[in-house]
Amino acid sequence: MSKSVFYHAGCPVCISAEHDIVNLIGSENIEIIHLGDNPQSIEKAEKAGVKSVPALVTPQGNVLHINFGASIEDVKQ
């Protein structure tokens, strides 16, 4: 089984969502990518369909936008 990918920017909304997602699906089932620390991953997130963070990309390629912390455009700046 492939892992889900959780993209975030480190804001309080993102950190709270990260903790909840990890508790729900387990840390072994998720890859966490902090786009502020890993800006080279922004393009990959956009290609996956991420429009805002926090967002979870499922193994099937579905993008679940969770709450709203920042748009992907804001993360680029």
C-alpha atoms as a PDB file:
ATOM      1  CA  MET A   1       0.000   0.000   0.000  1.00  0.00           C
ATOM      2  CA  SER A   2       1.266   3.457  -0.874  1.00  0.00           C
ATOM      3  CA  LYS A   3       1.371   6.161   1.729  1.00  0.00           C
ATOM      4  CA  SER A   4      -0.772   9.270   1.793  1.00  0.00           C
ATOM      5  CA  VAL A   5       1.138  12.541   1.565  1.00  0.00           C
ATOM      6  CA  PHE A   6       0.295  15.401   3.928  1.00  0.00           C
ATOM      7  CA  TYR A   7       1.459  18.819   2.743  1.00  0.00           C
ATOM      8  CA  HIS A   8       1.587  21.765   5.112  1.00  0.00           C
ATOM      9  CA  ALA A   9       3.304  25.095   5.707  1.00  0.00           C
ATOM     10  CA  GLY A  10       3.910  24.952   9.450  1.00  0.00           C
ATOM     11  CA  CYS A  11       1.153  27.333  10.549  1.00  0.00           C
ATOM     12  CA  PRO A  12      -0.953  26.497  13.626  1.00  0.00           C
ATOM     13  CA  VAL A  13      -3.866  25.279  11.460  1.00  0.00           C
ATOM     14  CA  CYS A  14      -1.487  22.949   9.588  1.00  0.00           C
ATOM     15  CA  ILE A  15       0.185  21.588  12.725  1.00  0.00           C
ATOM     16  CA  SER A  16      -3.172  20.881  14.355  1.00  0.00           C
ATOM     17  CA  ALA A  17      -4.398  19.087  11.216  1.00  0.00           C
ATOM     18  CA  GLU A  18      -1.132  17.116  11.028  1.00  0.00           C
ATOM     19  CA  HIS A  19      -1.591  15.796  14.562  1.00  0.00           C
ATOM     20  CA  ASP A  20      -5.201  14.807  13.866  1.00  0.00           C
ATOM     21  CA  ILE A  21      -4.369  13.076  10.574  1.00  0.00           C
ATOM     22  CA  VAL A  22      -1.463  11.142  12.115  1.00  0.00           C
ATOM     23  CA  ASN A  23      -3.732  10.045  14.967  1.00  0.00           C
ATOM     24  CA  LEU A  24      -6.398   8.924  12.481  1.00  0.00           C
ATOM     25  CA  ILE A  25      -4.341   7.002   9.937  1.00  0.00           C
ATOM     26  CA  GLY A  26      -1.058   6.330  11.740  1.00  0.00           C
ATOM     27  CA  SER A  27       2.404   7.750  11.131  1.00  0.00           C
ATOM     28  CA  GLU A  28       3.450   4.628   9.223  1.00  0.00           C
ATOM     29  CA  ASN A  29       0.809   5.380   6.569  1.00  0.00           C
ATOM     30  CA  ILE A  30       1.697   8.984   5.850  1.00  0.00           C
ATOM     31  CA  GLU A  31       4.554  11.053   4.485  1.00  0.00           C
ATOM     32  CA  ILE A  32       4.592  14.575   5.912  1.00  0.00           C
ATOM     33  CA  ILE A  33       6.031  17.375   3.788  1.00  0.00           C
ATOM     34  CA  HIS A  34       6.529  20.855   5.243  1.00  0.00           C
ATOM     35  CA  LEU A  35       6.577  23.071   2.156  1.00  0.00           C
ATOM     36  CA  GLY A  36       8.250  25.937   4.013  1.00  0.00           C
ATOM     37  CA  ASP A  37      11.206  23.683   4.802  1.00  0.00           C
ATOM     38  CA  ASN A  38      11.032  21.881   1.437  1.00  0.00           C
ATOM     39  CA  PRO A  39      10.108  24.458  -1.220  1.00  0.00           C
ATOM     40  CA  GLN A  40      11.383  22.100  -3.915  1.00  0.00           C
ATOM     41  CA  SER A  41       8.261  19.993  -3.187  1.00  0.00           C
ATOM     42  CA  ILE A  42       5.811  22.791  -4.090  1.00  0.00           C
ATOM     43  CA  GLU A  43       5.773  21.865  -7.781  1.00  0.00           C
ATOM     44  CA  LYS A  44       5.070  18.200  -6.937  1.00  0.00           C
ATOM     45  CA  ALA A  45       2.226  19.285  -4.631  1.00  0.00           C
ATOM     46  CA  GLU A  46       0.738  21.485  -7.353  1.00  0.00           C
ATOM     47  CA  LYS A  47       0.958  18.665  -9.919  1.00  0.00           C
ATOM     48  CA  ALA A  48      -0.904  16.445  -7.448  1.00  0.00           C
ATOM     49  CA  GLY A  49      -3.694  19.056  -7.299  1.00  0.00           C
ATOM     50  CA  VAL A  50      -2.916  20.804  -4.018  1.00  0.00           C
ATOM     51  CA  LYS A  51      -4.416  24.316  -4.044  1.00  0.00           C
ATOM     52  CA  SER A  52      -4.029  25.142  -0.362  1.00  0.00           C
ATOM     53  CA  VAL A  53      -2.491  23.702   2.769  1.00  0.00           C
ATOM     54  CA  PRO A  54      -3.008  21.698   4.840  1.00  0.00           C
ATOM     55  CA  ALA A  55      -3.868  19.048   2.271  1.00  0.00           C
ATOM     56  CA  LEU A  56      -3.764  15.281   2.182  1.00  0.00           C
ATOM     57  CA  VAL A  57      -3.118  13.423  -1.075  1.00  0.00           C
ATOM     58  CA  THR A  58      -4.399   9.869  -0.854  1.00  0.00           C
ATOM     59  CA  PRO A  59      -2.661   6.877  -2.448  1.00  0.00           C
ATOM     60  CA  GLN A  60      -5.396   6.937  -5.112  1.00  0.00           C
ATOM     61  CA  GLY A  61      -4.496  10.548  -6.005  1.00  0.00           C
ATOM     62  CA  ASN A  62      -7.441  12.278  -4.358  1.00  0.00           C
ATOM     63  CA  VAL A  63      -6.630  15.644  -2.769  1.00  0.00           C
ATOM     64  CA  LEU A  64      -8.364  16.408   0.515  1.00  0.00           C
ATOM     65  CA  HIS A  65      -8.042  20.080   1.394  1.00  0.00           C
ATOM     66  CA  ILE A  66      -8.342  20.332   5.160  1.00  0.00           C
ATOM     67  CA  ASN A  67      -9.508  23.556   6.750  1.00  0.00           C
ATOM     68  CA  PHE A  68      -7.511  26.480   5.321  1.00  0.00           C
ATOM     69  CA  GLY A  69      -4.081  27.584   6.414  1.00  0.00           C
ATOM     70  CA  ALA A  70      -2.645  29.178   3.270  1.00  0.00           C
ATOM     71  CA  SER A  71      -3.019  29.041  -0.486  1.00  0.00           C
ATOM     72  CA  ILE A  72      -0.257  27.341  -2.424  1.00  0.00           C
ATOM     73  CA  GLU A  73       0.525  30.766  -3.935  1.00  0.00           C
ATOM     74  CA  ASP A  74       1.150  32.181  -0.453  1.00  0.00           C
ATOM     75  CA  VAL A  75       3.503  29.303   0.314  1.00  0.00           C
ATOM     76  CA  LYS A  76       5.570  30.122  -2.791  1.00  0.00           C
ATOM     77  CA  GLN A  77       6.399  33.602  -1.479  1.00  0.00           C
END
